[in-house]
PDB file of N, CA and C in Angstrom:
ATOM      1  N   UNK A   1      13.901  99.377-103.102  1.00  0.00           N
ATOM      2  CA  UNK A   1      14.316  99.082-101.382  1.00  0.00           C
ATOM      3  C   UNK A   1      13.695 100.742-100.880  1.00  0.00           C
ATOM      4  N   UNK A   2      13.381 100.257 -99.653  1.00  0.00           N
ATOM      5  CA  UNK A   2      12.792 101.998 -99.111  1.00  0.00           C
ATOM      6  C   UNK A   2      13.536 101.908 -97.801  1.00  0.00           C
ATOM      7  N   UNK A   3      14.655 102.560 -97.846  1.00  0.00           N
ATOM      8  CA  UNK A   3      15.266 103.014 -96.301  1.00  0.00           C
ATOM      9  C   UNK A   3      14.695 103.356 -95.196  1.00  0.00           C
ATOM     10  N   UNK A   4      14.995 103.097 -94.277  1.00  0.00           N
ATOM     11  CA  UNK A   4      14.056 103.411 -92.812  1.00  0.00           C
ATOM     12  C   UNK A   4      14.789 103.713 -92.053  1.00  0.00           C
ATOM     13  N   UNK A   5      14.982 104.633 -90.908  1.00  0.00           N
ATOM     14  CA  UNK A   5      15.693 104.723 -89.888  1.00  0.00           C
ATOM     15  C   UNK A   5      17.271 105.138 -89.903  1.00  0.00           C
ATOM     16  N   UNK A   6      17.436 106.159 -90.704  1.00  0.00           N
ATOM     17  CA  UNK A   6      18.691 106.369 -90.969  1.00  0.00           C
ATOM     18  C   UNK A   6      19.582 106.819 -90.038  1.00  0.00           C
ATOM     19  N   UNK A   7      20.849 106.391 -90.032  1.00  0.00           N
ATOM     20  CA  UNK A   7      22.139 106.561 -88.950  1.00  0.00           C
ATOM     21  C   UNK A   7      23.482 107.078 -89.735  1.00  0.00           C
ATOM     22  N   UNK A   8      23.530 108.091 -89.457  1.00  0.00           N
ATOM     23  CA  UNK A   8      24.964 108.755 -90.155  1.00  0.00           C
ATOM     24  C   UNK A   8      26.378 108.431 -89.293  1.00  0.00           C
ATOM     25  N   UNK A   9      27.194 107.515 -89.674  1.00  0.00           N
ATOM     26  CA  UNK A   9      28.221 107.099 -89.034  1.00  0.00           C
ATOM     27  C   UNK A   9      29.498 107.345 -89.913  1.00  0.00           C
ATOM     28  N   UNK A  10      30.277 108.304 -89.399  1.00  0.00           N
ATOM     29  CA  UNK A  10      31.779 108.751 -90.067  1.00  0.00           C
ATOM     30  C   UNK A  10      31.146 109.236 -91.810  1.00  0.00           C
ATOM     31  N   UNK A  11      31.722 108.483 -92.543  1.00  0.00           N
ATOM     32  CA  UNK A  11      31.345 109.087 -93.916  1.00  0.00           C
ATOM     33  C   UNK A  11      30.528 107.632 -94.480  1.00  0.00           C
ATOM     34  N   UNK A  12      29.187 107.334 -93.572  1.00  0.00           N
ATOM     35  CA  UNK A  12      28.522 106.437 -94.340  1.00  0.00           C
ATOM     36  C   UNK A  12      27.449 106.386 -93.639  1.00  0.00           C
ATOM     37  N   UNK A  13      26.053 105.811 -94.456  1.00  0.00           N
ATOM     38  CA  UNK A  13      25.178 106.122 -93.761  1.00  0.00           C
ATOM     39  C   UNK A  13      24.297 104.699 -93.684  1.00  0.00           C
ATOM     40  N   UNK A  14      24.063 104.189 -92.453  1.00  0.00           N
ATOM     41  CA  UNK A  14      23.122 103.108 -92.298  1.00  0.00           C
ATOM     42  C   UNK A  14      21.625 103.161 -92.068  1.00  0.00           C
ATOM     43  N   UNK A  15      21.181 102.090 -92.759  1.00  0.00           N
ATOM     44  CA  UNK A  15      19.750 102.201 -92.849  1.00  0.00           C
ATOM     45  C   UNK A  15      19.085 100.838 -92.853  1.00  0.00           C
ATOM     46  N   UNK A  16      17.826 100.249 -91.879  1.00  0.00           N
ATOM     47  CA  UNK A  16      17.439  99.225 -92.172  1.00  0.00           C
ATOM     48  C   UNK A  16      16.225  99.412 -93.750  1.00  0.00           C
ATOM     49  N   UNK A  17      16.080  98.372 -94.166  1.00  0.00           N
ATOM     50  CA  UNK A  17      15.481  98.034 -95.453  1.00  0.00           C
ATOM     51  C   UNK A  17      14.038  98.033 -94.636  1.00  0.00           C
ATOM     52  N   UNK A  18      12.932  98.769 -94.915  1.00  0.00           N
ATOM     53  CA  UNK A  18      11.627  98.644 -94.470  1.00  0.00           C
ATOM     54  C   UNK A  18      11.044  97.205 -95.008  1.00  0.00           C
ATOM     55  N   UNK A  19      10.239  96.553 -93.615  1.00  0.00           N
ATOM     56  CA  UNK A  19       9.767  95.444 -93.980  1.00  0.00           C
ATOM     57  C   UNK A  19      10.461  93.997 -94.259  1.00  0.00           C
ATOM     58  N   UNK A  20      12.101  94.566 -94.049  1.00  0.00           N
ATOM     59  CA  UNK A  20      12.934  93.229 -94.186  1.00  0.00           C
ATOM     60  C   UNK A  20      13.897  93.085 -92.866  1.00  0.00           C
ATOM     61  N   UNK A  21      14.582  92.443 -92.866  1.00  0.00           N
ATOM     62  CA  UNK A  21      15.372  91.861 -91.568  1.00  0.00           C
ATOM     63  C   UNK A  21      16.871  92.156 -92.397  1.00  0.00           C
ATOM     64  N   UNK A  22      17.158  93.413 -93.128  1.00  0.00           N
ATOM     65  CA  UNK A  22      18.320  93.886 -93.420  1.00  0.00           C
ATOM     66  C   UNK A  22      18.666  95.407 -93.227  1.00  0.00           C
ATOM     67  N   UNK A  23      19.906  95.513 -93.137  1.00  0.00           N
ATOM     68  CA  UNK A  23      20.556  96.896 -93.023  1.00  0.00           C
ATOM     69  C   UNK A  23      21.520  97.015 -94.079  1.00  0.00           C
ATOM     70  N   UNK A  24      21.401  98.305 -94.393  1.00  0.00           N
ATOM     71  CA  UNK A  24      22.989  98.597 -95.641  1.00  0.00           C
ATOM     72  C   UNK A  24      23.463  99.698 -95.025  1.00  0.00           C
ATOM     73  N   UNK A  25      24.708  99.594 -95.669  1.00  0.00           N
ATOM     74  CA  UNK A  25      25.677 100.827 -95.912  1.00  0.00           C
ATOM     75  C   UNK A  25      25.628 101.208 -97.011  1.00  0.00           C
ATOM     76  N   UNK A  26      25.209 102.802 -96.982  1.00  0.00           N
ATOM     77  CA  UNK A  26      25.194 103.894 -98.257  1.00  0.00           C
ATOM     78  C   UNK A  26      26.347 104.766 -98.068  1.00  0.00           C
ATOM     79  N   UNK A  27      26.540 104.852 -99.210  1.00  0.00           N
ATOM     80  CA  UNK A  27      27.582 106.186 -99.776  1.00  0.00           C
ATOM     81  C   UNK A  27      26.737 106.883 -99.695  1.00  0.00           C
ATOM     82  N   UNK A  28      26.681 108.619 -98.927  1.00  0.00           N
ATOM     83  CA  UNK A  28      25.816 109.593 -98.819  1.00  0.00           C
ATOM     84  C   UNK A  28      26.144 109.972-100.212  1.00  0.00           C
ATOM     85  N   UNK A  29      27.673 109.748-100.604  1.00  0.00           N
ATOM     86  CA  UNK A  29      27.831 110.581-102.108  1.00  0.00           C
ATOM     87  C   UNK A  29      27.269 110.145-103.101  1.00  0.00           C
ATOM     88  N   UNK A  30      27.261 108.854-103.470  1.00  0.00           N
ATOM     89  CA  UNK A  30      26.928 108.305-104.738  1.00  0.00           C
ATOM     90  C   UNK A  30      25.276 107.802-104.372  1.00  0.00           C
ATOM     91  N   UNK A  31      25.583 107.356-103.433  1.00  0.00           N
ATOM     92  CA  UNK A  31      23.850 106.878-103.015  1.00  0.00           C
ATOM     93  C   UNK A  31      23.848 105.152-103.329  1.00  0.00           C
ATOM     94  N   UNK A  32      25.041 105.020-103.462  1.00  0.00           N
ATOM     95  CA  UNK A  32      25.333 103.370-103.528  1.00  0.00           C
ATOM     96  C   UNK A  32      25.609 102.341-102.545  1.00  0.00           C
ATOM     97  N   UNK A  33      24.664 101.063-102.615  1.00  0.00           N
ATOM     98  CA  UNK A  33      24.875 100.189-101.172  1.00  0.00           C
ATOM     99  C   UNK A  33      26.316  99.705-101.236  1.00  0.00           C
ATOM    100  N   UNK A  34      27.002  99.884-100.475  1.00  0.00           N
ATOM    101  CA  UNK A  34      28.576  99.239-100.178  1.00  0.00           C
ATOM    102  C   UNK A  34      28.313  98.169 -99.353  1.00  0.00           C
ATOM    103  N   UNK A  35      27.576  97.826 -98.421  1.00  0.00           N
ATOM    104  CA  UNK A  35      27.323  96.552 -97.565  1.00  0.00           C
ATOM    105  C   UNK A  35      25.939  96.338 -97.589  1.00  0.00           C
ATOM    106  N   UNK A  36      25.847  94.769 -96.588  1.00  0.00           N
ATOM    107  CA  UNK A  36      24.387  94.848 -96.110  1.00  0.00           C
ATOM    108  C   UNK A  36      24.463  93.784 -95.225  1.00  0.00           C
ATOM    109  N   UNK A  37      23.709  94.064 -94.119  1.00  0.00           N
ATOM    110  CA  UNK A  37      23.985  93.027 -92.809  1.00  0.00           C
ATOM    111  C   UNK A  37      22.468  92.211 -92.765  1.00  0.00           C
ATOM    112  N   UNK A  38      22.632  91.034 -92.718  1.00  0.00           N
ATOM    113  CA  UNK A  38      21.551  90.245 -92.662  1.00  0.00           C
ATOM    114  C   UNK A  38      21.319  90.071 -90.951  1.00  0.00           C
ATOM    115  N   UNK A  39      20.217  90.796 -90.764  1.00  0.00           N
ATOM    116  CA  UNK A  39      19.709  90.908 -89.163  1.00  0.00           C
ATOM    117  C   UNK A  39      18.662  89.803 -88.900  1.00  0.00           C
ATOM    118  N   UNK A  40      18.620  88.574 -89.467  1.00  0.00           N
ATOM    119  CA  UNK A  40      17.542  87.782 -89.189  1.00  0.00           C
ATOM    120  C   UNK A  40      18.126  86.833 -88.398  1.00  0.00           C
ATOM    121  N   UNK A  41      17.330  86.181 -87.531  1.00  0.00           N
ATOM    122  CA  UNK A  41      17.495  84.910 -86.982  1.00  0.00           C
ATOM    123  C   UNK A  41      18.032  85.502 -85.310  1.00  0.00           C
ATOM    124  N   UNK A  42      18.132  86.567 -85.194  1.00  0.00           N
ATOM    125  CA  UNK A  42      18.415  87.520 -83.807  1.00  0.00           C
ATOM    126  C   UNK A  42      17.115  86.889 -82.687  1.00  0.00           C
ATOM    127  N   UNK A  43      16.145  87.176 -83.144  1.00  0.00           N
ATOM    128  CA  UNK A  43      15.447  86.800 -82.809  1.00  0.00           C
ATOM    129  C   UNK A  43      14.691  85.392 -82.718  1.00  0.00           C
ATOM    130  N   UNK A  44      13.849  84.016 -81.671  1.00  0.00           N
ATOM    131  CA  UNK A  44      13.566  83.088 -81.933  1.00  0.00           C
ATOM    132  C   UNK A  44      12.496  83.115 -82.409  1.00  0.00           C
ATOM    133  N   UNK A  45      11.921  82.162 -83.007  1.00  0.00           N
ATOM    134  CA  UNK A  45      10.442  82.198 -83.572  1.00  0.00           C
ATOM    135  C   UNK A  45       9.441  82.254 -82.732  1.00  0.00           C
ATOM    136  N   UNK A  46       9.280  81.947 -81.492  1.00  0.00           N
ATOM    137  CA  UNK A  46       8.538  82.132 -80.172  1.00  0.00           C
ATOM    138  C   UNK A  46       8.321  83.717 -79.814  1.00  0.00           C
ATOM    139  N   UNK A  47       9.170  84.702 -80.639  1.00  0.00           N
ATOM    140  CA  UNK A  47       9.462  85.673 -79.608  1.00  0.00           C
ATOM    141  C   UNK A  47       8.619  86.967 -81.106  1.00  0.00           C
ATOM    142  N   UNK A  48       8.823  86.142 -81.991  1.00  0.00           N
ATOM    143  CA  UNK A  48       7.969  87.131 -83.105  1.00  0.00           C
ATOM    144  C   UNK A  48       6.664  87.449 -82.883  1.00  0.00           C
ATOM    145  N   UNK A  49       6.169  88.368 -83.269  1.00  0.00           N
ATOM    146  CA  UNK A  49       4.674  88.329 -83.372  1.00  0.00           C
ATOM    147  C   UNK A  49       4.286  88.690 -84.642  1.00  0.00           C
ATOM    148  N   UNK A  50       2.936  88.906 -85.294  1.00  0.00           N
ATOM    149  CA  UNK A  50       2.595  89.380 -86.339  1.00  0.00           C
ATOM    150  C   UNK A  50       2.512  91.247 -86.573  1.00  0.00           C
ATOM    151  N   UNK A  51       3.107  91.198 -87.526  1.00  0.00           N
ATOM    152  CA  UNK A  51       3.835  92.962 -87.563  1.00  0.00           C
ATOM    153  C   UNK A  51       5.622  93.113 -87.194  1.00  0.00           C
ATOM    154  N   UNK A  52       6.101  92.157 -86.711  1.00  0.00           N
ATOM    155  CA  UNK A  52       7.363  92.212 -86.335  1.00  0.00           C
ATOM    156  C   UNK A  52       8.460  92.414 -87.383  1.00  0.00           C
ATOM    157  N   UNK A  53       9.179  93.719 -87.345  1.00  0.00           N
ATOM    158  CA  UNK A  53      10.140  93.811 -88.419  1.00  0.00           C
ATOM    159  C   UNK A  53      11.745  94.697 -87.891  1.00  0.00           C
ATOM    160  N   UNK A  54      12.384  94.344 -88.090  1.00  0.00           N
ATOM    161  CA  UNK A  54      13.522  95.108 -87.964  1.00  0.00           C
ATOM    162  C   UNK A  54      13.198  96.760 -88.286  1.00  0.00           C
ATOM    163  N   UNK A  55      13.251  97.966 -87.364  1.00  0.00           N
ATOM    164  CA  UNK A  55      12.854  98.967 -87.364  1.00  0.00           C
ATOM    165  C   UNK A  55      13.507 100.254 -86.764  1.00  0.00           C
ATOM    166  N   UNK A  56      15.089  99.579 -86.326  1.00  0.00           N
ATOM    167  CA  UNK A  56      16.006 100.622 -85.690  1.00  0.00           C
ATOM    168  C   UNK A  56      17.393 100.331 -85.620  1.00  0.00           C
ATOM    169  N   UNK A  57      18.207 101.289 -85.810  1.00  0.00           N
ATOM    170  CA  UNK A  57      19.639 101.203 -86.039  1.00  0.00           C
ATOM    171  C   UNK A  57      20.441 102.284 -85.498  1.00  0.00           C
ATOM    172  N   UNK A  58      21.205 102.331 -83.879  1.00  0.00           N
ATOM    173  CA  UNK A  58      21.747 103.451 -83.799  1.00  0.00           C
ATOM    174  C   UNK A  58      23.179 103.343 -83.212  1.00  0.00           C
ATOM    175  N   UNK A  59      23.840 103.855 -83.686  1.00  0.00           N
ATOM    176  CA  UNK A  59      25.523 103.723 -83.665  1.00  0.00           C
ATOM    177  C   UNK A  59      25.650 103.825 -82.012  1.00  0.00           C
ATOM    178  N   UNK A  60      26.674 103.440 -81.077  1.00  0.00           N
ATOM    179  CA  UNK A  60      27.085 103.658 -80.438  1.00  0.00           C
ATOM    180  C   UNK A  60      28.242 104.560 -80.216  1.00  0.00           C
ATOM    181  N   UNK A  61      28.422 105.460 -79.748  1.00  0.00           N
ATOM    182  CA  UNK A  61      29.196 106.606 -79.705  1.00  0.00           C
ATOM    183  C   UNK A  61      30.656 106.240 -79.085  1.00  0.00           C
ATOM    184  N   UNK A  62      31.461 106.373 -80.070  1.00  0.00           N
ATOM    185  CA  UNK A  62      33.025 105.769 -79.633  1.00  0.00           C
ATOM    186  C   UNK A  62      32.954 104.586 -79.603  1.00  0.00           C
ATOM    187  N   UNK A  63      32.725 104.040 -80.438  1.00  0.00           N
ATOM    188  CA  UNK A  63      32.626 102.230 -80.620  1.00  0.00           C
ATOM    189  C   UNK A  63      32.436 102.146 -81.712  1.00  0.00           C
ATOM    190  N   UNK A  64      32.511 100.758 -81.861  1.00  0.00           N
ATOM    191  CA  UNK A  64      32.544 100.231 -83.602  1.00  0.00           C
ATOM    192  C   UNK A  64      31.067  99.429 -83.447  1.00  0.00           C
ATOM    193  N   UNK A  65      30.201  99.475 -82.203  1.00  0.00           N
ATOM    194  CA  UNK A  65      28.954  99.101 -81.984  1.00  0.00           C
ATOM    195  C   UNK A  65      27.647  99.709 -82.421  1.00  0.00           C
ATOM    196  N   UNK A  66      26.646  98.969 -82.744  1.00  0.00           N
ATOM    197  CA  UNK A  66      25.529  99.472 -82.869  1.00  0.00           C
ATOM    198  C   UNK A  66      24.426  98.895 -81.971  1.00  0.00           C
ATOM    199  N   UNK A  67      23.284  99.512 -82.119  1.00  0.00           N
ATOM    200  CA  UNK A  67      22.012  98.749 -81.504  1.00  0.00           C
ATOM    201  C   UNK A  67      20.900  98.882 -82.373  1.00  0.00           C
ATOM    202  N   UNK A  68      20.479  97.958 -82.461  1.00  0.00           N
ATOM    203  CA  UNK A  68      19.361  97.269 -83.734  1.00  0.00           C
ATOM    204  C   UNK A  68      18.381  96.951 -82.738  1.00  0.00           C
ATOM    205  N   UNK A  69      16.849  96.942 -83.298  1.00  0.00           N
ATOM    206  CA  UNK A  69      15.961  96.695 -82.555  1.00  0.00           C
ATOM    207  C   UNK A  69      14.715  96.282 -83.985  1.00  0.00           C
ATOM    208  N   UNK A  70      13.845  96.035 -83.278  1.00  0.00           N
ATOM    209  CA  UNK A  70      12.456  95.961 -84.104  1.00  0.00           C
ATOM    210  C   UNK A  70      11.435  96.386 -83.476  1.00  0.00           C
ATOM    211  N   UNK A  71      10.336  96.680 -84.940  1.00  0.00           N
ATOM    212  CA  UNK A  71       9.029  97.170 -84.303  1.00  0.00           C
ATOM    213  C   UNK A  71       8.417  95.646 -83.878  1.00  0.00           C
ATOM    214  N   UNK A  72       8.178  95.837 -82.363  1.00  0.00           N
ATOM    215  CA  UNK A  72       7.246  94.504 -81.803  1.00  0.00           C
ATOM    216  C   UNK A  72       8.309  93.668 -80.930  1.00  0.00           C
ATOM    217  N   UNK A  73       9.637  93.884 -81.316  1.00  0.00           N
ATOM    218  CA  UNK A  73      10.590  93.339 -80.521  1.00  0.00           C
ATOM    219  C   UNK A  73      10.732  93.120 -79.304  1.00  0.00           C
ATOM    220  N   UNK A  74      10.923  92.015 -79.019  1.00  0.00           N
ATOM    221  CA  UNK A  74      10.867  92.312 -77.426  1.00  0.00           C
ATOM    222  C   UNK A  74      12.479  92.578 -76.803  1.00  0.00           C
ATOM    223  N   UNK A  75      13.090  92.801 -77.456  1.00  0.00           N
ATOM    224  CA  UNK A  75      14.550  92.467 -77.063  1.00  0.00           C
ATOM    225  C   UNK A  75      15.432  93.707 -78.063  1.00  0.00           C
ATOM    226  N   UNK A  76      16.298  94.696 -77.735  1.00  0.00           N
ATOM    227  CA  UNK A  76      17.605  95.055 -78.164  1.00  0.00           C
ATOM    228  C   UNK A  76      18.631  94.806 -78.326  1.00  0.00           C
ATOM    229  N   UNK A  77      19.542  94.311 -79.347  1.00  0.00           N
ATOM    230  CA  UNK A  77      20.772  93.796 -79.587  1.00  0.00           C
ATOM    231  C   UNK A  77      22.052  94.953 -79.750  1.00  0.00           C
ATOM    232  N   UNK A  78      22.875  94.924 -78.953  1.00  0.00           N
ATOM    233  CA  UNK A  78      24.316  95.333 -79.246  1.00  0.00           C
ATOM    234  C   UNK A  78      25.221  94.541 -79.995  1.00  0.00           C
ATOM    235  N   UNK A  79      25.576  95.041 -81.795  1.00  0.00           N
ATOM    236  CA  UNK A  79      26.111  94.359 -82.389  1.00  0.00           C
ATOM    237  C   UNK A  79      27.644  95.128 -82.910  1.00  0.00           C
ATOM    238  N   UNK A  80      28.405  94.146 -83.549  1.00  0.00           N
ATOM    239  CA  UNK A  80      29.192  94.879 -84.188  1.00  0.00           C
ATOM    240  C   UNK A  80      28.853  94.451 -85.622  1.00  0.00           C
ATOM    241  N   UNK A  81      28.941  95.302 -86.658  1.00  0.00           N
ATOM    242  CA  UNK A  81      28.981  94.712 -87.990  1.00  0.00           C
ATOM    243  C   UNK A  81      30.402  93.646 -88.527  1.00  0.00           C
ATOM    244  N   UNK A  82      30.665  92.668 -88.983  1.00  0.00           N
ATOM    245  CA  UNK A  82      31.948  92.491 -89.321  1.00  0.00           C
ATOM    246  C   UNK A  82      31.632  91.718 -90.728  1.00  0.00           C
ATOM    247  N   UNK A  83      32.931  91.738 -91.582  1.00  0.00           N
ATOM    248  CA  UNK A  83      32.706  91.250 -93.231  1.00  0.00           C
ATOM    249  C   UNK A  83      32.409  89.501 -92.708  1.00  0.00           C
ATOM    250  N   UNK A  84      31.860  89.029 -93.831  1.00  0.00           N
ATOM    251  CA  UNK A  84      31.219  87.712 -93.595  1.00  0.00           C
ATOM    252  C   UNK A  84      32.674  86.701 -93.914  1.00  0.00           C
TER     253      UNK A  84
END
C-alpha cells in the first residue's frame, strides 16, 4: 500500500491509497490501518477519464466533514465518514 495525500486529524492520519478509490485511517503511533473508506462510485462512469483517480483528502476545520477529490475529477465532494 502506498499512502498519498496525508491529512492529520486529531489523533489519526487519513490518506488515500495511491491509484485506488480507498482512503485509510492510520494510527500514527503504531502505523496500523484502523479504518478503510470506499470512495468508489462517487463519480458517474461518463465523468471518468483515463488517469482519473482519487487524489485528495482534507478535513474541514471544526466539523466531522472531509473534502475529497481526485486527479482529473470534475467535482469535489464534502462527506462524513460513518461506520458501515
